[in-house]
Amino acid sequence: MADDREDRIRKRAHALWEQNGRPEGRHEEHWQQASQEAEGGSAGPQHDDAPMPDGNEPAGKSLDEIATGEHQGP
C-alpha cells in the first residue's frame, strides 16, 4: 500500500515541520527524515516526542498513531 505509506510520511513530515517552528524552505528535509523514519532508518526518533515550539508537551505518538489518528498507548 504505497498510498498508505506516503500518507504516513506526509503526516510525519508535517509534524516535523510544526515541531521546528514551521520554517519555510525545509520541506524536502522534513520529507526525507519522515521517509527514513518510515523505512526504519536512523534519521530521528520513531515517535513524535520532540519539544513543541509553543511550550506544549509532546504527544509522543508513533507514526502509525499519527497516520490513523488513534492513540495506542496506556
N, C-alpha and C. Protein backbone atom coordinates (compact mmCIF):
# COMPACT_ATOMS: atom_id res chain seq x y z
N MET A 1 0.83 -1.19 0.00
CA MET A 1 0.00 0.00 0.00
C MET A 1 0.88 1.25 0.00
N ALA A 2 1.29 1.67 -1.16
CA ALA A 2 2.15 2.84 -1.30
C ALA A 2 1.44 4.11 -0.84
N ASP A 3 0.13 4.19 -1.11
CA ASP A 3 -0.62 5.38 -0.70
C ASP A 3 -0.64 5.53 0.81
N ASP A 4 -0.78 4.39 1.51
CA ASP A 4 -0.79 4.38 2.97
C ASP A 4 0.56 4.87 3.51
N ARG A 5 1.62 4.36 2.93
CA ARG A 5 2.97 4.73 3.36
C ARG A 5 3.22 6.22 3.09
N GLU A 6 2.84 6.67 1.91
CA GLU A 6 3.04 8.08 1.56
C GLU A 6 2.23 8.99 2.48
N ASP A 7 1.04 8.57 2.85
CA ASP A 7 0.21 9.36 3.75
C ASP A 7 0.86 9.46 5.13
N ARG A 8 1.43 8.34 5.63
CA ARG A 8 2.14 8.36 6.92
C ARG A 8 3.35 9.30 6.85
N ILE A 9 4.08 9.23 5.74
CA ILE A 9 5.25 10.10 5.58
C ILE A 9 4.82 11.56 5.54
N ARG A 10 3.75 11.85 4.81
CA ARG A 10 3.25 13.22 4.71
C ARG A 10 2.86 13.77 6.08
N LYS A 11 2.17 12.96 6.85
CA LYS A 11 1.74 13.41 8.19
C LYS A 11 2.92 13.59 9.12
N ARG A 12 3.91 12.70 9.04
CA ARG A 12 5.09 12.83 9.89
C ARG A 12 5.91 14.05 9.48
N ALA A 13 6.07 14.26 8.16
CA ALA A 13 6.80 15.43 7.68
C ALA A 13 6.12 16.72 8.16
N HIS A 14 4.80 16.72 8.15
CA HIS A 14 4.06 17.90 8.63
C HIS A 14 4.31 18.11 10.13
N ALA A 15 4.31 17.02 10.89
CA ALA A 15 4.57 17.12 12.33
C ALA A 15 5.99 17.65 12.58
N LEU A 16 6.96 17.18 11.79
CA LEU A 16 8.33 17.68 11.94
C LEU A 16 8.40 19.16 11.61
N TRP A 17 7.71 19.58 10.57
CA TRP A 17 7.67 20.99 10.18
C TRP A 17 7.09 21.84 11.32
N GLU A 18 6.01 21.38 11.93
CA GLU A 18 5.41 22.11 13.05
C GLU A 18 6.35 22.14 14.25
N GLN A 19 6.99 21.01 14.55
CA GLN A 19 7.91 20.94 15.69
C GLN A 19 9.09 21.89 15.53
N ASN A 20 9.48 22.13 14.31
CA ASN A 20 10.61 23.00 14.03
C ASN A 20 10.20 24.46 13.85
N GLY A 21 8.99 24.79 14.23
CA GLY A 21 8.54 26.18 14.16
C GLY A 21 8.03 26.61 12.80
N ARG A 22 7.63 25.67 11.98
CA ARG A 22 7.07 25.92 10.66
C ARG A 22 8.00 26.75 9.75
N PRO A 23 9.26 26.32 9.64
CA PRO A 23 10.20 27.09 8.82
C PRO A 23 9.88 26.95 7.32
N GLU A 24 10.14 28.00 6.59
CA GLU A 24 9.95 27.97 5.14
C GLU A 24 11.16 27.34 4.48
N GLY A 25 10.93 26.63 3.38
CA GLY A 25 12.01 26.11 2.57
C GLY A 25 12.70 24.85 3.07
N ARG A 26 12.12 24.16 4.06
CA ARG A 26 12.76 22.95 4.58
C ARG A 26 11.89 21.72 4.38
N HIS A 27 10.94 21.81 3.46
CA HIS A 27 10.01 20.70 3.24
C HIS A 27 10.73 19.43 2.78
N GLU A 28 11.76 19.57 1.95
CA GLU A 28 12.48 18.38 1.49
C GLU A 28 13.22 17.69 2.64
N GLU A 29 13.78 18.49 3.54
CA GLU A 29 14.47 17.93 4.72
C GLU A 29 13.49 17.15 5.59
N HIS A 30 12.32 17.72 5.83
CA HIS A 30 11.32 17.06 6.67
C HIS A 30 10.79 15.80 5.98
N TRP A 31 10.58 15.87 4.68
CA TRP A 31 10.10 14.70 3.94
C TRP A 31 11.13 13.58 4.01
N GLN A 32 12.39 13.94 3.79
CA GLN A 32 13.47 12.94 3.82
C GLN A 32 13.55 12.27 5.19
N GLN A 33 13.49 13.06 6.25
CA GLN A 33 13.56 12.50 7.59
C GLN A 33 12.37 11.58 7.85
N ALA A 34 11.18 12.02 7.48
CA ALA A 34 9.99 11.20 7.69
C ALA A 34 10.06 9.92 6.88
N SER A 35 10.58 10.00 5.67
CA SER A 35 10.73 8.83 4.82
C SER A 35 11.70 7.83 5.43
N GLN A 36 12.82 8.32 5.93
CA GLN A 36 13.81 7.44 6.56
C GLN A 36 13.25 6.80 7.83
N GLU A 37 12.49 7.56 8.59
CA GLU A 37 11.87 7.00 9.79
C GLU A 37 10.89 5.89 9.42
N ALA A 38 10.13 6.10 8.37
CA ALA A 38 9.15 5.11 7.93
C ALA A 38 9.84 3.82 7.47
N GLU A 39 11.05 3.95 6.95
CA GLU A 39 11.82 2.78 6.49
C GLU A 39 12.61 2.16 7.63
N GLY A 40 12.52 2.71 8.82
CA GLY A 40 13.25 2.18 9.96
C GLY A 40 14.68 2.68 10.03
N GLY A 41 14.95 3.77 9.32
CA GLY A 41 16.30 4.36 9.33
C GLY A 41 16.58 5.09 10.62
N SER A 42 17.74 5.68 10.70
CA SER A 42 18.15 6.37 11.93
C SER A 42 18.09 7.88 11.77
N ALA A 43 17.12 8.38 11.03
CA ALA A 43 17.03 9.82 10.80
C ALA A 43 16.51 10.56 12.01
N GLY A 44 15.93 9.86 12.96
CA GLY A 44 15.39 10.54 14.13
C GLY A 44 14.52 9.59 14.92
N PRO A 45 13.84 10.09 15.93
CA PRO A 45 13.01 9.23 16.76
C PRO A 45 11.82 8.69 15.99
N GLN A 46 11.37 7.50 16.37
CA GLN A 46 10.20 6.91 15.75
C GLN A 46 8.91 7.45 16.37
N HIS A 47 9.04 8.29 17.36
CA HIS A 47 7.88 8.89 18.00
C HIS A 47 7.94 10.39 17.86
N ASP A 48 6.78 10.99 17.86
CA ASP A 48 6.63 12.43 17.75
C ASP A 48 6.77 13.01 19.15
N ASP A 49 8.01 12.95 19.71
CA ASP A 49 8.19 13.35 21.10
C ASP A 49 9.18 14.50 21.28
N ALA A 50 9.48 15.21 20.21
CA ALA A 50 10.36 16.38 20.32
C ALA A 50 9.60 17.51 21.02
N PRO A 51 10.32 18.39 21.70
CA PRO A 51 9.65 19.51 22.37
C PRO A 51 8.92 20.38 21.35
N MET A 52 7.77 20.84 21.72
CA MET A 52 6.98 21.68 20.86
C MET A 52 7.45 23.13 21.00
N PRO A 53 7.52 23.89 19.90
CA PRO A 53 7.97 25.28 19.98
C PRO A 53 7.04 26.18 20.78
N ASP A 54 5.78 25.78 20.93
CA ASP A 54 4.83 26.61 21.68
C ASP A 54 4.82 26.29 23.18
N GLY A 55 5.70 25.37 23.61
CA GLY A 55 5.81 25.05 25.03
C GLY A 55 4.90 23.93 25.49
N ASN A 56 4.04 23.42 24.62
CA ASN A 56 3.16 22.32 24.99
C ASN A 56 3.96 21.03 25.09
N GLU A 57 3.46 20.09 25.84
CA GLU A 57 4.10 18.79 25.96
C GLU A 57 3.94 18.04 24.64
N PRO A 58 4.93 17.25 24.25
CA PRO A 58 4.82 16.46 23.02
C PRO A 58 3.77 15.38 23.16
N ALA A 59 3.22 14.99 22.02
CA ALA A 59 2.17 13.98 22.01
C ALA A 59 2.72 12.58 22.23
N GLY A 60 3.96 12.32 21.79
CA GLY A 60 4.55 11.00 21.94
C GLY A 60 3.87 9.94 21.11
N LYS A 61 3.37 10.32 19.95
CA LYS A 61 2.66 9.38 19.09
C LYS A 61 3.61 8.71 18.12
N SER A 62 3.32 7.45 17.82
CA SER A 62 4.09 6.72 16.82
C SER A 62 3.63 7.15 15.43
N LEU A 63 4.37 6.74 14.40
CA LEU A 63 3.98 7.05 13.03
C LEU A 63 2.60 6.47 12.71
N ASP A 64 2.33 5.25 13.19
CA ASP A 64 1.02 4.65 12.94
C ASP A 64 -0.09 5.42 13.64
N GLU A 65 0.18 5.89 14.85
CA GLU A 65 -0.83 6.67 15.57
C GLU A 65 -1.10 7.98 14.86
N ILE A 66 -0.06 8.60 14.34
CA ILE A 66 -0.24 9.85 13.60
C ILE A 66 -1.06 9.58 12.34
N ALA A 67 -0.74 8.49 11.65
CA ALA A 67 -1.41 8.16 10.40
C ALA A 67 -2.88 7.82 10.62
N THR A 68 -3.19 7.09 11.68
CA THR A 68 -4.57 6.64 11.90
C THR A 68 -5.37 7.57 12.81
N GLY A 69 -4.67 8.41 13.55
CA GLY A 69 -5.36 9.29 14.49
C GLY A 69 -5.76 8.59 15.76
N GLU A 70 -5.30 7.35 15.95
CA GLU A 70 -5.65 6.57 17.14
C GLU A 70 -4.46 6.49 18.07
N HIS A 71 -4.69 6.70 19.35
CA HIS A 71 -3.63 6.56 20.34
C HIS A 71 -3.59 5.11 20.79
N GLN A 72 -2.38 4.51 20.75
CA GLN A 72 -2.25 3.10 21.09
C GLN A 72 -1.54 2.87 22.41
N GLY A 73 -1.29 3.92 23.15
CA GLY A 73 -0.56 3.81 24.41
C GLY A 73 -1.45 3.49 25.59
N PRO A 74 -0.86 3.51 26.79
CA PRO A 74 -1.63 3.18 28.01
C PRO A 74 -2.68 4.22 28.33
